[in-house]
């Protein structure tokens, strides 16, 4: 993470991390570190990914619950 750009950790587990950065152009960028892969999302993309994960979680819980 760059010290010149404000960042914050959203959530962290033993192997994964979600964090955000407030970019100089005013955009907030969300980052998912998943092992050796880091995914970067602008706000609209992040909202869609969160929706996808929530739907997948509900589907998995319904299937196994």
PDB file of N, CA and C in Angstrom:
ATOM      1  N   UNK A   1       0.846  -1.179   0.000  1.00  0.00           N
ATOM      2  CA  UNK A   1       0.000   0.000   0.000  1.00  0.00           C
ATOM      3  C   UNK A   1       0.892   1.244   0.000  1.00  0.00           C
ATOM      4  N   UNK A   2       0.502   2.238  -0.760  1.00  0.00           N
ATOM      5  CA  UNK A   2       1.264   3.467  -0.903  1.00  0.00           C
ATOM      6  C   UNK A   2       0.956   4.406   0.259  1.00  0.00           C
ATOM      7  N   UNK A   3       2.009   4.928   0.890  1.00  0.00           N
ATOM      8  CA  UNK A   3       1.827   5.827   2.037  1.00  0.00           C
ATOM      9  C   UNK A   3       1.243   7.179   1.633  1.00  0.00           C
ATOM     10  N   UNK A   4       1.340   7.545   0.342  1.00  0.00           N
ATOM     11  CA  UNK A   4       0.836   8.831  -0.118  1.00  0.00           C
ATOM     12  C   UNK A   4      -0.669   8.815  -0.377  1.00  0.00           C
ATOM     13  N   UNK A   5      -1.239   7.643  -0.493  1.00  0.00           N
ATOM     14  CA  UNK A   5      -2.666   7.498  -0.758  1.00  0.00           C
ATOM     15  C   UNK A   5      -3.330   6.916   0.484  1.00  0.00           C
ATOM     16  N   UNK A   6      -4.349   7.607   1.035  1.00  0.00           N
ATOM     17  CA  UNK A   6      -5.027   7.077   2.216  1.00  0.00           C
ATOM     18  C   UNK A   6      -5.672   5.721   1.926  1.00  0.00           C
ATOM     19  N   UNK A   7      -5.435   4.772   2.820  1.00  0.00           N
ATOM     20  CA  UNK A   7      -5.994   3.432   2.675  1.00  0.00           C
ATOM     21  C   UNK A   7      -6.635   3.006   3.987  1.00  0.00           C
ATOM     22  N   UNK A   8      -7.469   1.981   3.909  1.00  0.00           N
ATOM     23  CA  UNK A   8      -8.086   1.423   5.105  1.00  0.00           C
ATOM     24  C   UNK A   8      -8.460  -0.024   4.877  1.00  0.00           C
ATOM     25  N   UNK A   9      -8.261  -0.821   5.898  1.00  0.00           N
ATOM     26  CA  UNK A   9      -8.614  -2.233   5.834  1.00  0.00           C
ATOM     27  C   UNK A   9     -10.098  -2.389   6.112  1.00  0.00           C
ATOM     28  N   UNK A  10     -10.800  -3.115   5.236  1.00  0.00           N
ATOM     29  CA  UNK A  10     -12.222  -3.401   5.429  1.00  0.00           C
ATOM     30  C   UNK A  10     -12.417  -4.693   6.197  1.00  0.00           C
ATOM     31  N   UNK A  11     -11.667  -5.734   5.835  1.00  0.00           N
ATOM     32  CA  UNK A  11     -11.776  -7.048   6.487  1.00  0.00           C
ATOM     33  C   UNK A  11     -10.511  -7.831   6.167  1.00  0.00           C
ATOM     34  N   UNK A  12     -10.200  -8.759   7.075  1.00  0.00           N
ATOM     35  CA  UNK A  12      -8.991  -9.554   6.893  1.00  0.00           C
ATOM     36  C   UNK A  12      -9.183 -10.927   7.528  1.00  0.00           C
ATOM     37  N   UNK A  13      -8.697 -11.944   6.836  1.00  0.00           N
ATOM     38  CA  UNK A  13      -8.654 -13.293   7.392  1.00  0.00           C
ATOM     39  C   UNK A  13      -7.202 -13.742   7.351  1.00  0.00           C
ATOM     40  N   UNK A  14      -6.961 -14.993   7.675  1.00  0.00           N
ATOM     41  CA  UNK A  14      -5.593 -15.504   7.662  1.00  0.00           C
ATOM     42  C   UNK A  14      -4.976 -15.440   6.267  1.00  0.00           C
ATOM     43  N   UNK A  15      -5.786 -15.570   5.218  1.00  0.00           N
ATOM     44  CA  UNK A  15      -5.250 -15.644   3.857  1.00  0.00           C
ATOM     45  C   UNK A  15      -5.711 -14.546   2.913  1.00  0.00           C
ATOM     46  N   UNK A  16      -6.727 -13.791   3.279  1.00  0.00           N
ATOM     47  CA  UNK A  16      -7.319 -12.818   2.357  1.00  0.00           C
ATOM     48  C   UNK A  16      -7.490 -11.464   3.031  1.00  0.00           C
ATOM     49  N   UNK A  17      -7.595 -10.441   2.182  1.00  0.00           N
ATOM     50  CA  UNK A  17      -7.767  -9.093   2.720  1.00  0.00           C
ATOM     51  C   UNK A  17      -8.600  -8.254   1.759  1.00  0.00           C
ATOM     52  N   UNK A  18      -9.480  -7.441   2.312  1.00  0.00           N
ATOM     53  CA  UNK A  18     -10.228  -6.449   1.548  1.00  0.00           C
ATOM     54  C   UNK A  18      -9.863  -5.084   2.114  1.00  0.00           C
ATOM     55  N   UNK A  19      -9.467  -4.196   1.221  1.00  0.00           N
ATOM     56  CA  UNK A  19      -9.099  -2.853   1.662  1.00  0.00           C
ATOM     57  C   UNK A  19      -9.482  -1.836   0.610  1.00  0.00           C
ATOM     58  N   UNK A  20      -9.443  -0.557   0.976  1.00  0.00           N
ATOM     59  CA  UNK A  20      -9.794   0.486   0.031  1.00  0.00           C
ATOM     60  C   UNK A  20      -8.725   1.560   0.022  1.00  0.00           C
ATOM     61  N   UNK A  21      -8.707   2.301  -1.072  1.00  0.00           N
ATOM     62  CA  UNK A  21      -7.814   3.449  -1.181  1.00  0.00           C
ATOM     63  C   UNK A  21      -8.605   4.636  -1.715  1.00  0.00           C
ATOM     64  N   UNK A  22      -8.305   5.801  -1.179  1.00  0.00           N
ATOM     65  CA  UNK A  22      -8.912   7.043  -1.653  1.00  0.00           C
ATOM     66  C   UNK A  22      -7.906   7.694  -2.593  1.00  0.00           C
ATOM     67  N   UNK A  23      -8.172   7.554  -3.876  1.00  0.00           N
ATOM     68  CA  UNK A  23      -7.238   7.992  -4.911  1.00  0.00           C
ATOM     69  C   UNK A  23      -7.221   9.518  -5.034  1.00  0.00           C
ATOM     70  N   UNK A  24      -6.115  10.080  -5.536  1.00  0.00           N
ATOM     71  CA  UNK A  24      -5.999  11.532  -5.677  1.00  0.00           C
ATOM     72  C   UNK A  24      -7.084  12.161  -6.560  1.00  0.00           C
ATOM     73  N   UNK A  25      -7.646  11.393  -7.481  1.00  0.00           N
ATOM     74  CA  UNK A  25      -8.698  11.934  -8.361  1.00  0.00           C
ATOM     75  C   UNK A  25     -10.078  11.918  -7.706  1.00  0.00           C
ATOM     76  N   UNK A  26     -10.143  11.510  -6.442  1.00  0.00           N
ATOM     77  CA  UNK A  26     -11.405  11.491  -5.711  1.00  0.00           C
ATOM     78  C   UNK A  26     -12.130  10.163  -5.734  1.00  0.00           C
ATOM     79  N   UNK A  27     -11.667   9.218  -6.550  1.00  0.00           N
ATOM     80  CA  UNK A  27     -12.277   7.885  -6.621  1.00  0.00           C
ATOM     81  C   UNK A  27     -11.859   7.048  -5.415  1.00  0.00           C
ATOM     82  N   UNK A  28     -12.787   6.250  -4.928  1.00  0.00           N
ATOM     83  CA  UNK A  28     -12.450   5.213  -3.954  1.00  0.00           C
ATOM     84  C   UNK A  28     -12.287   3.923  -4.733  1.00  0.00           C
ATOM     85  N   UNK A  29     -11.177   3.237  -4.506  1.00  0.00           N
ATOM     86  CA  UNK A  29     -10.919   1.966  -5.165  1.00  0.00           C
ATOM     87  C   UNK A  29     -10.892   0.886  -4.091  1.00  0.00           C
ATOM     88  N   UNK A  30     -11.613  -0.202  -4.354  1.00  0.00           N
ATOM     89  CA  UNK A  30     -11.681  -1.338  -3.444  1.00  0.00           C
ATOM     90  C   UNK A  30     -10.747  -2.422  -3.961  1.00  0.00           C
ATOM     91  N   UNK A  31     -10.039  -3.064  -3.056  1.00  0.00           N
ATOM     92  CA  UNK A  31      -9.049  -4.073  -3.420  1.00  0.00           C
ATOM     93  C   UNK A  31      -9.336  -5.358  -2.665  1.00  0.00           C
ATOM     94  N   UNK A  32      -9.316  -6.466  -3.365  1.00  0.00           N
ATOM     95  CA  UNK A  32      -9.419  -7.793  -2.752  1.00  0.00           C
ATOM     96  C   UNK A  32      -8.110  -8.512  -3.010  1.00  0.00           C
ATOM     97  N   UNK A  33      -7.386  -8.830  -1.947  1.00  0.00           N
ATOM     98  CA  UNK A  33      -6.167  -9.621  -2.058  1.00  0.00           C
ATOM     99  C   UNK A  33      -6.537 -11.064  -1.751  1.00  0.00           C
ATOM    100  N   UNK A  34      -6.430 -11.912  -2.765  1.00  0.00           N
ATOM    101  CA  UNK A  34      -6.821 -13.314  -2.673  1.00  0.00           C
ATOM    102  C   UNK A  34      -5.596 -14.160  -3.007  1.00  0.00           C
ATOM    103  N   UNK A  35      -4.762 -14.394  -2.023  1.00  0.00           N
ATOM    104  CA  UNK A  35      -3.522 -15.116  -2.277  1.00  0.00           C
ATOM    105  C   UNK A  35      -2.622 -14.278  -3.159  1.00  0.00           C
ATOM    106  N   UNK A  36      -2.190 -14.849  -4.286  1.00  0.00           N
ATOM    107  CA  UNK A  36      -1.268 -14.162  -5.188  1.00  0.00           C
ATOM    108  C   UNK A  36      -1.979 -13.196  -6.135  1.00  0.00           C
ATOM    109  N   UNK A  37      -3.301 -13.093  -6.040  1.00  0.00           N
ATOM    110  CA  UNK A  37      -4.077 -12.254  -6.946  1.00  0.00           C
ATOM    111  C   UNK A  37      -4.685 -11.088  -6.182  1.00  0.00           C
ATOM    112  N   UNK A  38      -4.583  -9.886  -6.751  1.00  0.00           N
ATOM    113  CA  UNK A  38      -5.268  -8.727  -6.191  1.00  0.00           C
ATOM    114  C   UNK A  38      -6.202  -8.175  -7.254  1.00  0.00           C
ATOM    115  N   UNK A  39      -7.466  -8.015  -6.881  1.00  0.00           N
ATOM    116  CA  UNK A  39      -8.481  -7.458  -7.769  1.00  0.00           C
ATOM    117  C   UNK A  39      -8.788  -6.031  -7.325  1.00  0.00           C
ATOM    118  N   UNK A  40      -8.959  -5.134  -8.286  1.00  0.00           N
ATOM    119  CA  UNK A  40      -9.214  -3.722  -8.002  1.00  0.00           C
ATOM    120  C   UNK A  40     -10.563  -3.342  -8.605  1.00  0.00           C
ATOM    121  N   UNK A  41     -11.395  -2.648  -7.822  1.00  0.00           N
ATOM    122  CA  UNK A  41     -12.745  -2.303  -8.262  1.00  0.00           C
ATOM    123  C   UNK A  41     -13.052  -0.841  -7.975  1.00  0.00           C
ATOM    124  N   UNK A  42     -13.668  -0.165  -8.963  1.00  0.00           N
ATOM    125  CA  UNK A  42     -14.253   1.141  -8.694  1.00  0.00           C
ATOM    126  C   UNK A  42     -15.586   0.903  -7.977  1.00  0.00           C
ATOM    127  N   UNK A  43     -16.195   1.961  -7.455  1.00  0.00           N
ATOM    128  CA  UNK A  43     -17.382   1.844  -6.604  1.00  0.00           C
ATOM    129  C   UNK A  43     -18.491   1.011  -7.245  1.00  0.00           C
ATOM    130  N   UNK A  44     -18.837   1.305  -8.497  1.00  0.00           N
ATOM    131  CA  UNK A  44     -19.940   0.593  -9.146  1.00  0.00           C
ATOM    132  C   UNK A  44     -19.621  -0.895  -9.291  1.00  0.00           C
ATOM    133  N   UNK A  45     -18.374  -1.177  -9.619  1.00  0.00           N
ATOM    134  CA  UNK A  45     -17.943  -2.577  -9.758  1.00  0.00           C
ATOM    135  C   UNK A  45     -17.969  -3.281  -8.408  1.00  0.00           C
ATOM    136  N   UNK A  46     -17.505  -2.597  -7.378  1.00  0.00           N
ATOM    137  CA  UNK A  46     -17.485  -3.158  -6.025  1.00  0.00           C
ATOM    138  C   UNK A  46     -18.901  -3.500  -5.583  1.00  0.00           C
ATOM    139  N   UNK A  47     -19.832  -2.575  -5.806  1.00  0.00           N
ATOM    140  CA  UNK A  47     -21.227  -2.812  -5.420  1.00  0.00           C
ATOM    141  C   UNK A  47     -21.761  -4.075  -6.097  1.00  0.00           C
ATOM    142  N   UNK A  48     -21.429  -4.260  -7.373  1.00  0.00           N
ATOM    143  CA  UNK A  48     -21.896  -5.439  -8.094  1.00  0.00           C
ATOM    144  C   UNK A  48     -21.252  -6.716  -7.577  1.00  0.00           C
ATOM    145  N   UNK A  49     -19.966  -6.665  -7.255  1.00  0.00           N
ATOM    146  CA  UNK A  49     -19.271  -7.848  -6.706  1.00  0.00           C
ATOM    147  C   UNK A  49     -19.850  -8.222  -5.344  1.00  0.00           C
ATOM    148  N   UNK A  50     -20.102  -7.228  -4.517  1.00  0.00           N
ATOM    149  CA  UNK A  50     -20.699  -7.497  -3.197  1.00  0.00           C
ATOM    150  C   UNK A  50     -22.075  -8.131  -3.375  1.00  0.00           C
ATOM    151  N   UNK A  51     -22.873  -7.614  -4.305  1.00  0.00           N
ATOM    152  CA  UNK A  51     -24.192  -8.201  -4.590  1.00  0.00           C
ATOM    153  C   UNK A  51     -24.053  -9.651  -5.052  1.00  0.00           C
ATOM    154  N   UNK A  52     -23.107  -9.908  -5.934  1.00  0.00           N
ATOM    155  CA  UNK A  52     -22.860 -11.262  -6.419  1.00  0.00           C
ATOM    156  C   UNK A  52     -22.505 -12.210  -5.274  1.00  0.00           C
ATOM    157  N   UNK A  53     -21.612 -11.777  -4.400  1.00  0.00           N
ATOM    158  CA  UNK A  53     -21.186 -12.622  -3.284  1.00  0.00           C
ATOM    159  C   UNK A  53     -22.348 -12.878  -2.332  1.00  0.00           C
ATOM    160  N   UNK A  54     -23.149 -11.844  -2.073  1.00  0.00           N
ATOM    161  CA  UNK A  54     -24.313 -12.026  -1.201  1.00  0.00           C
ATOM    162  C   UNK A  54     -25.308 -13.007  -1.801  1.00  0.00           C
ATOM    163  N   UNK A  55     -25.566 -12.907  -3.112  1.00  0.00           N
ATOM    164  CA  UNK A  55     -26.474 -13.841  -3.777  1.00  0.00           C
ATOM    165  C   UNK A  55     -25.922 -15.262  -3.744  1.00  0.00           C
ATOM    166  N   UNK A  56     -24.626 -15.399  -3.981  1.00  0.00           N
ATOM    167  CA  UNK A  56     -24.000 -16.722  -3.943  1.00  0.00           C
ATOM    168  C   UNK A  56     -24.071 -17.310  -2.543  1.00  0.00           C
ATOM    169  N   UNK A  57     -23.877 -16.486  -1.545  1.00  0.00           N
ATOM    170  CA  UNK A  57     -23.954 -16.973  -0.158  1.00  0.00           C
ATOM    171  C   UNK A  57     -25.358 -17.444   0.186  1.00  0.00           C
ATOM    172  N   UNK A  58     -26.359 -16.651  -0.224  1.00  0.00           N
ATOM    173  CA  UNK A  58     -27.754 -17.048   0.042  1.00  0.00           C
ATOM    174  C   UNK A  58     -28.082 -18.345  -0.680  1.00  0.00           C
ATOM    175  N   UNK A  59     -27.627 -18.472  -1.927  1.00  0.00           N
ATOM    176  CA  UNK A  59     -27.892 -19.692  -2.687  1.00  0.00           C
ATOM    177  C   UNK A  59     -27.217 -20.888  -2.049  1.00  0.00           C
ATOM    178  N   UNK A  60     -26.002 -20.728  -1.603  1.00  0.00           N
ATOM    179  CA  UNK A  60     -25.268 -21.825  -0.972  1.00  0.00           C
ATOM    180  C   UNK A  60     -25.922 -22.212   0.366  1.00  0.00           C
ATOM    181  N   UNK A  61     -26.360 -21.220   1.126  1.00  0.00           N
ATOM    182  CA  UNK A  61     -27.027 -21.508   2.399  1.00  0.00           C
ATOM    183  C   UNK A  61     -28.357 -22.206   2.170  1.00  0.00           C
ATOM    184  N   UNK A  62     -29.090 -21.819   1.147  1.00  0.00           N
ATOM    185  CA  UNK A  62     -30.361 -22.462   0.834  1.00  0.00           C
ATOM    186  C   UNK A  62     -30.174 -23.880   0.360  1.00  0.00           C
ATOM    187  N   UNK A  63     -29.104 -24.106  -0.338  1.00  0.00           N
ATOM    188  CA  UNK A  63     -28.826 -25.442  -0.867  1.00  0.00           C
ATOM    189  C   UNK A  63     -28.363 -26.403   0.226  1.00  0.00           C
ATOM    190  N   UNK A  64     -27.654 -25.856   1.199  1.00  0.00           N
ATOM    191  CA  UNK A  64     -27.093 -26.695   2.252  1.00  0.00           C
ATOM    192  C   UNK A  64     -27.796 -26.471   3.591  1.00  0.00           C
ATOM    193  N   UNK A  65     -28.781 -25.609   3.624  1.00  0.00           N
ATOM    194  CA  UNK A  65     -29.402 -25.276   4.892  1.00  0.00           C
ATOM    195  C   UNK A  65     -30.680 -25.953   5.050  1.00  0.00           C
TER     196      UNK A  65
END
